[in-house]
Protein backbone atom coordinates (compact mmCIF):
# COMPACT_ATOMS: atom_id res chain seq x y z
CA UNK A 1 0.00 0.00 0.00
CA UNK A 2 1.13 3.53 -0.72
CA UNK A 3 1.13 6.52 1.57
CA UNK A 4 1.85 10.23 1.32
CA UNK A 5 2.78 12.10 4.50
CA UNK A 6 0.85 15.29 5.18
CA UNK A 7 0.96 17.87 7.98
CA UNK A 8 0.36 16.79 11.63
CA UNK A 9 1.13 13.11 11.11
CA UNK A 10 -1.90 12.41 8.95
CA UNK A 11 -1.30 10.28 5.85
CA UNK A 12 -3.23 9.50 2.72
CA UNK A 13 -3.32 5.77 2.14
CA UNK A 14 -4.45 4.19 -1.09
CA UNK A 15 -7.31 1.88 -0.13
CA UNK A 16 -8.26 0.67 -3.59
CA UNK A 17 -7.18 1.19 -7.16
CA UNK A 18 -8.30 -0.66 -10.23
CA UNK A 19 -6.23 -1.04 -13.34
CA UNK A 20 -7.40 -1.58 -16.91
CA UNK A 21 -4.83 -4.19 -17.85
CA UNK A 22 -2.00 -6.23 -16.37
CA UNK A 23 0.88 -6.95 -18.71
CA UNK A 24 3.86 -9.17 -18.04
CA UNK A 25 7.21 -7.68 -18.98
CA UNK A 26 10.78 -8.88 -18.73
CA UNK A 27 13.32 -6.76 -16.88
CA UNK A 28 16.85 -6.27 -18.19
CA UNK A 29 18.05 -8.91 -15.70
CA UNK A 30 15.63 -11.48 -17.17
CA UNK A 31 13.11 -11.44 -14.30
CA UNK A 32 9.42 -11.16 -15.12
CA UNK A 33 7.26 -8.52 -13.49
CA UNK A 34 3.71 -7.28 -13.76
CA UNK A 35 3.09 -3.88 -15.30
CA UNK A 36 -0.20 -2.32 -14.20
CA UNK A 37 -1.76 -0.22 -16.95
CA UNK A 38 -4.30 2.57 -16.38
CA UNK A 39 -5.54 4.68 -19.29
CA UNK A 40 -6.39 8.31 -18.63
CA UNK A 41 -8.91 8.01 -21.48
CA UNK A 42 -11.09 5.56 -19.51
CA UNK A 43 -12.72 5.90 -16.08
CA UNK A 44 -10.78 4.33 -13.21
CA UNK A 45 -11.25 3.94 -9.46
CA UNK A 46 -8.91 5.32 -6.84
CA UNK A 47 -10.02 5.37 -3.20
CA UNK A 48 -7.92 7.00 -0.49
CA UNK A 49 -8.30 7.22 3.26
CA UNK A 50 -6.82 9.52 5.88
CA UNK A 51 -4.80 7.75 8.60
CA UNK A 52 -3.21 9.15 11.75
CA UNK A 53 0.45 8.81 12.74
CA UNK A 54 -0.30 5.37 14.27
CA UNK A 55 -1.79 4.27 10.90
CA UNK A 56 -5.34 4.20 12.31
CA UNK A 57 -8.05 5.33 9.87
CA UNK A 58 -9.62 8.71 10.67
CA UNK A 59 -13.23 8.15 9.66
CA UNK A 60 -14.68 11.53 10.66
CA UNK A 61 -12.02 13.60 8.93
CA UNK A 62 -13.11 16.43 6.68
CA UNK A 63 -10.15 17.73 4.67
CA UNK A 64 -10.05 19.42 1.30
CA UNK A 65 -8.12 17.14 -1.06
CA UNK A 66 -6.74 17.82 -4.51
CA UNK A 67 -5.44 15.05 -6.73
CA UNK A 68 -2.96 15.26 -9.57
CA UNK A 69 -2.50 12.29 -11.88
CA UNK A 70 1.19 11.59 -12.51
CA UNK A 71 3.13 9.19 -14.65
CA UNK A 72 5.64 6.95 -12.84
CA UNK A 73 8.42 9.38 -13.82
CA UNK A 74 6.62 12.21 -11.98
CA UNK A 75 5.37 14.10 -15.05
CA UNK A 76 1.77 15.33 -14.87
CA UNK A 77 -0.79 13.63 -17.12
CA UNK A 78 -2.33 16.24 -19.43
CA UNK A 79 -6.10 16.52 -19.14
C-alpha cells in the first residue's frame, strides 16, 4: 500500500485502485514482473483514506483534497 505524508502526522493511504490491464514484462536482468496499466482516457477507481500517525483510519475527517494524476516518472498527465 502507498502513503503520502501530510501535515500533523496524517497520511493519505491508497485503499483501492483498479487497473485496466496487467501486462507481463521482462526486466533487463531477465526477471518477469507485472506492469499495471491505467488509461487516462477511460474511467478508473482510486479510493484513499486519511490515517493518523499510528496508521489508524480517521473516519470523521473532513479535509479538502486535490489530486494530480502523474506518470511513474513524476510528469503530470495532461487533461
